[in-house]
Amino acid sequence: EAVARIGPCLAVLGGVIVLAAVMVHSVEAQGSEHRQGFW
């Protein structure tokens, strides 16, 4: 029931993830994510 209540947000989140999946190939082409220091 809780998931159903926040369903619209989950739908938007799903759309963002699908878009991200399309971008994965270009991200991989840039090499590994570089993280260092403060975030």
Full PDB file with SEQRES, HELIX, SHEET, SSBOND, CRYST1, ORIGX, SCALE, CONECT and MASTER records, all heavy atoms in Angstrom:
SEQRES   1 A   39  GLU ALA VAL ALA ARG ILE GLY PRO CYS LEU ALA VAL LEU          
SEQRES   2 A   39  GLY GLY VAL ILE VAL LEU ALA ALA VAL MET VAL HIS SER          
SEQRES   3 A   39  VAL GLU ALA GLN GLY SER GLU HIS ARG GLN GLY PHE TRP          
HELIX    1 AA1 ALA A    2  ARG A    5  1                                   4    
HELIX    2 AA2 GLY A    7  ALA A   29  1                                  23    
CRYST1    1.000    1.000    1.000  90.00  90.00  90.00 P 1           1          
ORIGX1      1.000000  0.000000  0.000000        0.00000                         
ORIGX2      0.000000  1.000000  0.000000        0.00000                         
ORIGX3      0.000000  0.000000  1.000000        0.00000                         
SCALE1      1.000000  0.000000  0.000000        0.00000                         
SCALE2      0.000000  1.000000  0.000000        0.00000                         
SCALE3      0.000000  0.000000  1.000000        0.00000                         
ATOM      1  N   GLU A   1       0.824  -1.201   0.000  1.00  0.00           N  
ATOM      2  CA  GLU A   1       0.000   0.000   0.000  1.00  0.00           C  
ATOM      3  C   GLU A   1       0.858   1.249   0.000  1.00  0.00           C  
ATOM      4  O   GLU A   1       0.563   2.241  -0.680  1.00  0.00           O  
ATOM      5  CB  GLU A   1      -0.908  -0.013   1.229  1.00  0.00           C  
ATOM      6  CG  GLU A   1      -1.821   1.208   1.328  1.00  0.00           C  
ATOM      7  CD  GLU A   1      -2.655   1.183   2.593  1.00  0.00           C  
ATOM      8  OE1 GLU A   1      -2.671   0.132   3.276  1.00  0.00           O  
ATOM      9  OE2 GLU A   1      -3.277   2.208   2.882  1.00  0.00           O  
ATOM     10  N   ALA A   2       1.956   1.206   0.747  1.00  0.00           N  
ATOM     11  CA  ALA A   2       2.851   2.361   0.794  1.00  0.00           C  
ATOM     12  C   ALA A   2       3.486   2.612  -0.556  1.00  0.00           C  
ATOM     13  O   ALA A   2       3.616   3.754  -1.002  1.00  0.00           O  
ATOM     14  CB  ALA A   2       3.934   2.141   1.849  1.00  0.00           C  
ATOM     15  N   VAL A   3       3.901   1.539  -1.225  1.00  0.00           N  
ATOM     16  CA  VAL A   3       4.498   1.685  -2.556  1.00  0.00           C  
ATOM     17  C   VAL A   3       3.495   2.284  -3.526  1.00  0.00           C  
ATOM     18  O   VAL A   3       3.824   3.124  -4.369  1.00  0.00           O  
ATOM     19  CB  VAL A   3       5.012   0.319  -3.058  1.00  0.00           C  
ATOM     20  CG1 VAL A   3       5.507   0.418  -4.493  1.00  0.00           C  
ATOM     21  CG2 VAL A   3       6.117  -0.192  -2.156  1.00  0.00           C  
ATOM     22  N   ALA A   4       2.226   1.861  -3.401  1.00  0.00           N  
ATOM     23  CA  ALA A   4       1.188   2.404  -4.274  1.00  0.00           C  
ATOM     24  C   ALA A   4       0.997   3.902  -4.041  1.00  0.00           C  
ATOM     25  O   ALA A   4       0.748   4.658  -4.973  1.00  0.00           O  
ATOM     26  CB  ALA A   4      -0.124   1.663  -4.041  1.00  0.00           C  
ATOM     27  N   ARG A   5       1.125   4.342  -2.795  1.00  0.00           N  
ATOM     28  CA  ARG A   5       0.927   5.751  -2.478  1.00  0.00           C  
ATOM     29  C   ARG A   5       2.014   6.631  -3.091  1.00  0.00           C  
ATOM     30  O   ARG A   5       1.769   7.786  -3.434  1.00  0.00           O  
ATOM     31  CB  ARG A   5       0.890   5.953  -0.956  1.00  0.00           C  
ATOM     32  CG  ARG A   5      -0.405   5.445  -0.319  1.00  0.00           C  
ATOM     33  CD  ARG A   5      -0.370   5.671   1.188  1.00  0.00           C  
ATOM     34  NE  ARG A   5      -1.616   5.242   1.813  1.00  0.00           N  
ATOM     35  CZ  ARG A   5      -2.685   6.009   1.955  1.00  0.00           C  
ATOM     36  NH1 ARG A   5      -2.657   7.248   1.495  1.00  0.00           N  
ATOM     37  NH2 ARG A   5      -3.768   5.557   2.539  1.00  0.00           N  
ATOM     38  N   ILE A   6       3.240   6.087  -3.178  1.00  0.00           N  
ATOM     39  CA  ILE A   6       4.317   6.890  -3.770  1.00  0.00           C  
ATOM     40  C   ILE A   6       4.587   6.435  -5.203  1.00  0.00           C  
ATOM     41  O   ILE A   6       5.640   6.690  -5.759  1.00  0.00           O  
ATOM     42  CB  ILE A   6       5.599   6.828  -2.908  1.00  0.00           C  
ATOM     43  CG1 ILE A   6       6.085   5.385  -2.748  1.00  0.00           C  
ATOM     44  CG2 ILE A   6       5.374   7.476  -1.561  1.00  0.00           C  
ATOM     45  CD1 ILE A   6       7.405   5.285  -2.013  1.00  0.00           C  
ATOM     46  N   GLY A   7       3.588   5.781  -5.808  1.00  0.00           N  
ATOM     47  CA  GLY A   7       3.728   5.272  -7.166  1.00  0.00           C  
ATOM     48  C   GLY A   7       4.126   6.311  -8.199  1.00  0.00           C  
ATOM     49  O   GLY A   7       4.989   6.049  -9.040  1.00  0.00           O  
ATOM     50  N   PRO A   8       3.486   7.510  -8.213  1.00  0.00           N  
ATOM     51  CA  PRO A   8       3.887   8.513  -9.209  1.00  0.00           C  
ATOM     52  C   PRO A   8       5.362   8.868  -9.149  1.00  0.00           C  
ATOM     53  O   PRO A   8       6.026   9.013 -10.175  1.00  0.00           O  
ATOM     54  CB  PRO A   8       3.000   9.718  -8.852  1.00  0.00           C  
ATOM     55  CG  PRO A   8       1.797   9.108  -8.227  1.00  0.00           C  
ATOM     56  CD  PRO A   8       2.317   7.929  -7.443  1.00  0.00           C  
ATOM     57  N   CYS A   9       5.897   8.982  -7.934  1.00  0.00           N  
ATOM     58  CA  CYS A   9       7.323   9.275  -7.805  1.00  0.00           C  
ATOM     59  C   CYS A   9       8.163   8.124  -8.314  1.00  0.00           C  
ATOM     60  O   CYS A   9       9.190   8.328  -8.967  1.00  0.00           O  
ATOM     61  CB  CYS A   9       7.663   9.578  -6.349  1.00  0.00           C  
ATOM     62  SG  CYS A   9       9.395  10.002  -6.089  1.00  0.00           S  
ATOM     63  N   LEU A  10       7.731   6.897  -8.024  1.00  0.00           N  
ATOM     64  CA  LEU A  10       8.463   5.735  -8.503  1.00  0.00           C  
ATOM     65  C   LEU A  10       8.445   5.671 -10.021  1.00  0.00           C  
ATOM     66  O   LEU A  10       9.417   5.251 -10.646  1.00  0.00           O  
ATOM     67  CB  LEU A  10       7.858   4.457  -7.917  1.00  0.00           C  
ATOM     68  CG  LEU A  10       8.048   4.250  -6.411  1.00  0.00           C  
ATOM     69  CD1 LEU A  10       7.314   3.004  -5.956  1.00  0.00           C  
ATOM     70  CD2 LEU A  10       9.517   4.164  -6.058  1.00  0.00           C  
ATOM     71  N   ALA A  11       7.325   6.100 -10.636  1.00  0.00           N  
ATOM     72  CA  ALA A  11       7.245   6.102 -12.093  1.00  0.00           C  
ATOM     73  C   ALA A  11       8.250   7.083 -12.686  1.00  0.00           C  
ATOM     74  O   ALA A  11       8.934   6.789 -13.672  1.00  0.00           O  
ATOM     75  CB  ALA A  11       5.830   6.457 -12.539  1.00  0.00           C  
ATOM     76  N   VAL A  12       8.357   8.271 -12.060  1.00  0.00           N  
ATOM     77  CA  VAL A  12       9.345   9.254 -12.517  1.00  0.00           C  
ATOM     78  C   VAL A  12      10.750   8.708 -12.332  1.00  0.00           C  
ATOM     79  O   VAL A  12      11.619   8.827 -13.194  1.00  0.00           O  
ATOM     80  CB  VAL A  12       9.176  10.583 -11.749  1.00  0.00           C  
ATOM     81  CG1 VAL A  12      10.309  11.543 -12.098  1.00  0.00           C  
ATOM     82  CG2 VAL A  12       7.832  11.201 -12.083  1.00  0.00           C  
ATOM     83  N   LEU A  13      10.977   8.084 -11.170  1.00  0.00           N  
ATOM     84  CA  LEU A  13      12.289   7.495 -10.896  1.00  0.00           C  
ATOM     85  C   LEU A  13      12.622   6.427 -11.919  1.00  0.00           C  
ATOM     86  O   LEU A  13      13.758   6.336 -12.392  1.00  0.00           O  
ATOM     87  CB  LEU A  13      12.290   6.905  -9.487  1.00  0.00           C  
ATOM     88  CG  LEU A  13      13.601   6.303  -8.985  1.00  0.00           C  
ATOM     89  CD1 LEU A  13      14.685   7.371  -8.928  1.00  0.00           C  
ATOM     90  CD2 LEU A  13      13.402   5.668  -7.620  1.00  0.00           C  
ATOM     91  N   GLY A  14      11.616   5.610 -12.280  1.00  0.00           N  
ATOM     92  CA  GLY A  14      11.840   4.584 -13.297  1.00  0.00           C  
ATOM     93  C   GLY A  14      12.223   5.188 -14.630  1.00  0.00           C  
ATOM     94  O   GLY A  14      13.084   4.663 -15.338  1.00  0.00           O  
ATOM     95  N   GLY A  15      11.587   6.304 -14.982  1.00  0.00           N  
ATOM     96  CA  GLY A  15      11.935   6.975 -16.227  1.00  0.00           C  
ATOM     97  C   GLY A  15      13.363   7.480 -16.229  1.00  0.00           C  
ATOM     98  O   GLY A  15      14.074   7.386 -17.228  1.00  0.00           O  
ATOM     99  N   VAL A  16      13.787   8.018 -15.067  1.00  0.00           N  
ATOM    100  CA  VAL A  16      15.168   8.494 -14.952  1.00  0.00           C  
ATOM    101  C   VAL A  16      16.149   7.341 -15.113  1.00  0.00           C  
ATOM    102  O   VAL A  16      17.185   7.451 -15.774  1.00  0.00           O  
ATOM    103  CB  VAL A  16      15.371   9.202 -13.598  1.00  0.00           C  
ATOM    104  CG1 VAL A  16      16.840   9.533 -13.381  1.00  0.00           C  
ATOM    105  CG2 VAL A  16      14.529  10.456 -13.537  1.00  0.00           C  
ATOM    106  N   ILE A  17      15.810   6.184 -14.510  1.00  0.00           N  
ATOM    107  CA  ILE A  17      16.694   5.024 -14.593  1.00  0.00           C  
ATOM    108  C   ILE A  17      16.778   4.506 -16.014  1.00  0.00           C  
ATOM    109  O   ILE A  17      17.851   4.118 -16.494  1.00  0.00           O  
ATOM    110  CB  ILE A  17      16.210   3.926 -13.630  1.00  0.00           C  
ATOM    111  CG1 ILE A  17      16.418   4.390 -12.183  1.00  0.00           C  
ATOM    112  CG2 ILE A  17      16.945   2.619 -13.869  1.00  0.00           C  
ATOM    113  CD1 ILE A  17      15.863   3.439 -11.157  1.00  0.00           C  
ATOM    114  N   VAL A  18      15.646   4.494 -16.730  1.00  0.00           N  
ATOM    115  CA  VAL A  18      15.669   4.068 -18.135  1.00  0.00           C  
ATOM    116  C   VAL A  18      16.558   4.994 -18.950  1.00  0.00           C  
ATOM    117  O   VAL A  18      17.357   4.552 -19.787  1.00  0.00           O  
ATOM    118  CB  VAL A  18      14.244   4.030 -18.706  1.00  0.00           C  
ATOM    119  CG1 VAL A  18      14.280   3.829 -20.211  1.00  0.00           C  
ATOM    120  CG2 VAL A  18      13.448   2.904 -18.057  1.00  0.00           C  
ATOM    121  N   LEU A  19      16.406   6.303 -18.711  1.00  0.00           N  
ATOM    122  CA  LEU A  19      17.261   7.266 -19.415  1.00  0.00           C  
ATOM    123  C   LEU A  19      18.719   7.022 -19.073  1.00  0.00           C  
ATOM    124  O   LEU A  19      19.594   7.089 -19.945  1.00  0.00           O  
ATOM    125  CB  LEU A  19      16.860   8.690 -19.019  1.00  0.00           C  
ATOM    126  CG  LEU A  19      17.702   9.825 -19.614  1.00  0.00           C  
ATOM    127  CD1 LEU A  19      17.622   9.813 -21.138  1.00  0.00           C  
ATOM    128  CD2 LEU A  19      17.254  11.167 -19.063  1.00  0.00           C  
ATOM    129  N   ALA A  20      18.982   6.711 -17.793  1.00  0.00           N  
ATOM    130  CA  ALA A  20      20.360   6.452 -17.392  1.00  0.00           C  
ATOM    131  C   ALA A  20      20.921   5.230 -18.094  1.00  0.00           C  
ATOM    132  O   ALA A  20      22.101   5.193 -18.452  1.00  0.00           O  
ATOM    133  CB  ALA A  20      20.434   6.270 -15.875  1.00  0.00           C  
ATOM    134  N   ALA A  21      20.087   4.214 -18.274  1.00  0.00           N  
ATOM    135  CA  ALA A  21      20.544   3.006 -18.943  1.00  0.00           C  
ATOM    136  C   ALA A  21      21.003   3.300 -20.366  1.00  0.00           C  
ATOM    137  O   ALA A  21      21.970   2.712 -20.869  1.00  0.00           O  
ATOM    138  CB  ALA A  21      19.432   1.960 -18.951  1.00  0.00           C  
ATOM    139  N   VAL A  22      20.300   4.233 -21.009  1.00  0.00           N  
ATOM    140  CA  VAL A  22      20.693   4.619 -22.364  1.00  0.00           C  
ATOM    141  C   VAL A  22      22.049   5.308 -22.357  1.00  0.00           C  
ATOM    142  O   VAL A  22      22.824   5.216 -23.304  1.00  0.00           O  
ATOM    143  CB  VAL A  22      19.618   5.543 -22.979  1.00  0.00           C  
ATOM    144  CG1 VAL A  22      20.048   6.034 -24.355  1.00  0.00           C  
ATOM    145  CG2 VAL A  22      18.292   4.804 -23.074  1.00  0.00           C  
ATOM    146  N   MET A  23      22.338   5.980 -21.219  1.00  0.00           N  
ATOM    147  CA  MET A  23      23.581   6.741 -21.134  1.00  0.00           C  
ATOM    148  C   MET A  23      24.762   5.896 -20.686  1.00  0.00           C  
ATOM    149  O   MET A  23      25.900   6.362 -20.699  1.00  0.00           O  
ATOM    150  CB  MET A  23      23.405   7.912 -20.144  1.00  0.00           C  
ATOM    151  CG  MET A  23      22.316   8.893 -20.535  1.00  0.00           C  
ATOM    152  SD  MET A  23      21.944  10.034 -19.175  1.00  0.00           S  
ATOM    153  CE  MET A  23      23.547  10.805 -18.934  1.00  0.00           C  
ATOM    154  N   VAL A  24      24.512   4.665 -20.228  1.00  0.00           N  
ATOM    155  CA  VAL A  24      25.576   3.856 -19.642  1.00  0.00           C  
ATOM    156  C   VAL A  24      26.741   3.661 -20.593  1.00  0.00           C  
ATOM    157  O   VAL A  24      27.903   3.720 -20.206  1.00  0.00           O  
ATOM    158  CB  VAL A  24      25.020   2.489 -19.174  1.00  0.00           C  
ATOM    159  CG1 VAL A  24      26.151   1.509 -18.899  1.00  0.00           C  
ATOM    160  CG2 VAL A  24      24.180   2.673 -17.929  1.00  0.00           C  
ATOM    161  N   HIS A  25      26.453   3.406 -21.863  1.00  0.00           N  
ATOM    162  CA  HIS A  25      27.524   3.153 -22.817  1.00  0.00           C  
ATOM    163  C   HIS A  25      28.475   4.337 -22.905  1.00  0.00           C  
ATOM    164  O   HIS A  25      29.698   4.159 -22.910  1.00  0.00           O  
ATOM    165  CB  HIS A  25      26.941   2.850 -24.199  1.00  0.00           C  
ATOM    166  CG  HIS A  25      27.998   2.627 -25.243  1.00  0.00           C  
ATOM    167  ND1 HIS A  25      28.764   1.472 -25.296  1.00  0.00           N  
ATOM    168  CD2 HIS A  25      28.439   3.416 -26.266  1.00  0.00           C  
ATOM    169  CE1 HIS A  25      29.618   1.569 -26.310  1.00  0.00           C  
ATOM    170  NE2 HIS A  25      29.428   2.733 -26.897  1.00  0.00           N  
ATOM    171  N   SER A  26      27.898   5.562 -22.924  1.00  0.00           N  
ATOM    172  CA  SER A  26      28.765   6.735 -23.017  1.00  0.00           C  
ATOM    173  C   SER A  26      29.533   6.941 -21.722  1.00  0.00           C  
ATOM    174  O   SER A  26      30.673   7.405 -21.729  1.00  0.00           O  
ATOM    175  CB  SER A  26      27.937   7.987 -23.340  1.00  0.00           C  
ATOM    176  OG  SER A  26      26.996   8.228 -22.318  1.00  0.00           O  
ATOM    177  N   VAL A  27      28.908   6.582 -20.593  1.00  0.00           N  
ATOM    178  CA  VAL A  27      29.607   6.697 -19.314  1.00  0.00           C  
ATOM    179  C   VAL A  27      30.781   5.739 -19.265  1.00  0.00           C  
ATOM    180  O   VAL A  27      31.872   6.064 -18.810  1.00  0.00           O  
ATOM    181  CB  VAL A  27      28.626   6.420 -18.141  1.00  0.00           C  
ATOM    182  CG1 VAL A  27      29.381   6.339 -16.825  1.00  0.00           C  
ATOM    183  CG2 VAL A  27      27.572   7.506 -18.079  1.00  0.00           C  
ATOM    184  N   GLU A  28      30.552   4.494 -19.738  1.00  0.00           N  
ATOM    185  CA  GLU A  28      31.626   3.507 -19.753  1.00  0.00           C  
ATOM    186  C   GLU A  28      32.780   3.971 -20.623  1.00  0.00           C  
ATOM    187  O   GLU A  28      33.946   3.692 -20.336  1.00  0.00           O  
ATOM    188  CB  GLU A  28      31.086   2.169 -20.252  1.00  0.00           C  
ATOM    189  CG  GLU A  28      30.158   1.487 -19.263  1.00  0.00           C  
ATOM    190  CD  GLU A  28      29.629   0.182 -19.810  1.00  0.00           C  
ATOM    191  OE1 GLU A  28      29.559   0.052 -21.057  1.00  0.00           O  
ATOM    192  OE2 GLU A  28      29.279  -0.698 -19.013  1.00  0.00           O  
ATOM    193  N   ALA A  29      32.444   4.658 -21.698  1.00  0.00           N  
ATOM    194  CA  ALA A  29      33.486   5.118 -22.603  1.00  0.00           C  
ATOM    195  C   ALA A  29      34.408   6.133 -21.936  1.00  0.00           C  
ATOM    196  O   ALA A  29      35.549   6.313 -22.337  1.00  0.00           O  
ATOM    197  CB  ALA A  29      32.854   5.739 -23.852  1.00  0.00           C  
ATOM    198  N   GLN A  30      33.895   6.813 -20.872  1.00  0.00           N  
ATOM    199  CA  GLN A  30      34.709   7.795 -20.176  1.00  0.00           C  
ATOM    200  C   GLN A  30      35.620   7.141 -19.134  1.00  0.00           C  
ATOM    201  O   GLN A  30      36.414   7.805 -18.491  1.00  0.00           O  
ATOM    202  CB  GLN A  30      33.794   8.809 -19.466  1.00  0.00           C  
ATOM    203  CG  GLN A  30      32.925   9.595 -20.436  1.00  0.00           C  
ATOM    204  CD  GLN A  30      31.918  10.461 -19.698  1.00  0.00           C  
ATOM    205  OE1 GLN A  30      31.989  10.626 -18.492  1.00  0.00           O  
ATOM    206  NE2 GLN A  30      30.983  11.022 -20.435  1.00  0.00           N  
ATOM    207  N   GLY A  31      35.459   5.805 -18.924  1.00  0.00           N  
ATOM    208  CA  GLY A  31      36.255   5.114 -17.921  1.00  0.00           C  
ATOM    209  C   GLY A  31      35.537   5.059 -16.601  1.00  0.00           C  
ATOM    210  O   GLY A  31      34.415   5.503 -16.454  1.00  0.00           O  
ATOM    211  N   SER A  32      36.164   4.487 -15.616  1.00  0.00           N  
ATOM    212  CA  SER A  32      35.561   4.321 -14.308  1.00  0.00           C  
ATOM    213  C   SER A  32      35.270   5.668 -13.669  1.00  0.00           C  
ATOM    214  O   SER A  32      35.966   6.658 -13.885  1.00  0.00           O  
ATOM    215  CB  SER A  32      36.485   3.507 -13.397  1.00  0.00           C  
ATOM    216  OG  SER A  32      36.683   2.215 -13.920  1.00  0.00           O  
ATOM    217  N   GLU A  33      34.200   5.674 -12.843  1.00  0.00           N  
ATOM    218  CA  GLU A  33      33.876   6.869 -12.072  1.00  0.00           C  
ATOM    219  C   GLU A  33      35.052   7.210 -11.162  1.00  0.00           C  
ATOM    220  O   GLU A  33      35.626   6.340 -10.512  1.00  0.00           O  
ATOM    221  CB  GLU A  33      32.618   6.609 -11.241  1.00  0.00           C  
ATOM    222  CG  GLU A  33      31.367   6.419 -12.069  1.00  0.00           C  
ATOM    223  CD  GLU A  33      30.814   7.721 -12.577  1.00  0.00           C  
ATOM    224  OE1 GLU A  33      31.179   8.780 -12.011  1.00  0.00           O  
ATOM    225  OE2 GLU A  33      30.036   7.699 -13.530  1.00  0.00           O  
ATOM    226  N   HIS A  34      35.389   8.487 -11.130  1.00  0.00           N  
ATOM    227  CA  HIS A  34      36.527   8.923 -10.320  1.00  0.00           C  
ATOM    228  C   HIS A  34      36.002   9.676  -9.111  1.00  0.00           C  
ATOM    229  O   HIS A  34      35.396  10.739  -9.248  1.00  0.00           O  
ATOM    230  CB  HIS A  34      37.437   9.817 -11.143  1.00  0.00           C  
ATOM    231  CG  HIS A  34      38.680  10.217 -10.404  1.00  0.00           C  
ATOM    232  ND1 HIS A  34      39.611   9.306  -9.960  1.00  0.00           N  
ATOM    233  CD2 HIS A  34      39.130  11.439 -10.023  1.00  0.00           C  
ATOM    234  CE1 HIS A  34      40.598   9.945  -9.350  1.00  0.00           C  
ATOM    235  NE2 HIS A  34      40.319  11.233  -9.369  1.00  0.00           N  
ATOM    236  N   ARG A  35      36.203   9.119  -7.917  1.00  0.00           N  
ATOM    237  CA  ARG A  35      35.751   9.739  -6.681  1.00  0.00           C  
ATOM    238  C   ARG A  35      36.938   9.916  -5.763  1.00  0.00           C  
ATOM    239  O   ARG A  35      37.706   8.985  -5.534  1.00  0.00           O  
ATOM    240  CB  ARG A  35      34.676   8.874  -6.002  1.00  0.00           C  
ATOM    241  CG  ARG A  35      33.436   8.695  -6.833  1.00  0.00           C  
ATOM    242  CD  ARG A  35      32.421   7.774  -6.148  1.00  0.00           C  
ATOM    243  NE  ARG A  35      31.254   7.603  -6.988  1.00  0.00           N  
ATOM    244  CZ  ARG A  35      31.164   6.698  -7.961  1.00  0.00           C  
ATOM    245  NH1 ARG A  35      32.189   5.895  -8.193  1.00  0.00           N  
ATOM    246  NH2 ARG A  35      30.075   6.617  -8.696  1.00  0.00           N  
ATOM    247  N   GLN A  36      37.041  11.109  -5.199  1.00  0.00           N  
ATOM    248  CA  GLN A  36      38.105  11.362  -4.242  1.00  0.00           C  
ATOM    249  C   GLN A  36      37.711  12.555  -3.387  1.00  0.00           C  
ATOM    250  O   GLN A  36      36.890  13.383  -3.785  1.00  0.00           O  
ATOM    251  CB  GLN A  36      39.442  11.639  -4.944  1.00  0.00           C  
ATOM    252  CG  GLN A  36      39.436  12.869  -5.830  1.00  0.00           C  
ATOM    253  CD  GLN A  36      40.773  13.117  -6.490  1.00  0.00           C  
ATOM    254  OE1 GLN A  36      41.716  12.361  -6.298  1.00  0.00           O  
ATOM    255  NE2 GLN A  36      40.876  14.191  -7.258  1.00  0.00           N  
ATOM    256  N   GLY A  37      38.277  12.599  -2.182  1.00  0.00           N  
ATOM    257  CA  GLY A  37      38.084  13.749  -1.324  1.00  0.00           C  
ATOM    258  C   GLY A  37      36.676  13.886  -0.766  1.00  0.00           C  
ATOM    259  O   GLY A  37      35.948  12.920  -0.557  1.00  0.00           O  
ATOM    260  N   PHE A  38      36.282  15.133  -0.553  1.00  0.00           N  
ATOM    261  CA  PHE A  38      35.008  15.482   0.074  1.00  0.00           C  
ATOM    262  C   PHE A  38      33.860  15.363  -0.930  1.00  0.00           C  
ATOM    263  O   PHE A  38      34.018  15.659  -2.105  1.00  0.00           O  
ATOM    264  CB  PHE A  38      35.086  16.913   0.614  1.00  0.00           C  
ATOM    265  CG  PHE A  38      33.858  17.370   1.342  1.00  0.00           C  
ATOM    266  CD1 PHE A  38      33.573  16.892   2.616  1.00  0.00           C  
ATOM    267  CD2 PHE A  38      32.994  18.284   0.754  1.00  0.00           C  
ATOM    268  CE1 PHE A  38      32.444  17.322   3.299  1.00  0.00           C  
ATOM    269  CE2 PHE A  38      31.861  18.717   1.429  1.00  0.00           C  
ATOM    270  CZ  PHE A  38      31.589  18.240   2.707  1.00  0.00           C  
ATOM    271  N   TRP A  39      32.691  14.929  -0.458  1.00  0.00           N  
ATOM    272  CA  TRP A  39      31.516  14.822  -1.306  1.00  0.00           C  
ATOM    273  C   TRP A  39      30.265  15.291  -0.545  1.00  0.00           C  
ATOM    274  O   TRP A  39      30.197  15.227   0.674  1.00  0.00           O  
ATOM    275  CB  TRP A  39      31.299  13.394  -1.801  1.00  0.00           C  
ATOM    276  CG  TRP A  39      31.160  12.381  -0.698  1.00  0.00           C  
ATOM    277  CD1 TRP A  39      32.179  11.692  -0.100  1.00  0.00           C  
ATOM    278  CD2 TRP A  39      29.956  11.968  -0.050  1.00  0.00           C  
ATOM    279  NE1 TRP A  39      31.675  10.872   0.894  1.00  0.00           N  
ATOM    280  CE2 TRP A  39      30.313  11.014   0.943  1.00  0.00           C  
ATOM    281  CE3 TRP A  39      28.608  12.294  -0.208  1.00  0.00           C  
ATOM    282  CZ2 TRP A  39      29.361  10.403   1.767  1.00  0.00           C  
ATOM    283  CZ3 TRP A  39      27.671  11.690   0.613  1.00  0.00           C  
ATOM    284  CH2 TRP A  39      28.047  10.750   1.580  1.00  0.00           C  
TER     285      TRP A  39                                                      
MASTER        0    0    0    2    0    0    0    6  284    1    0    3          
END                                                                             
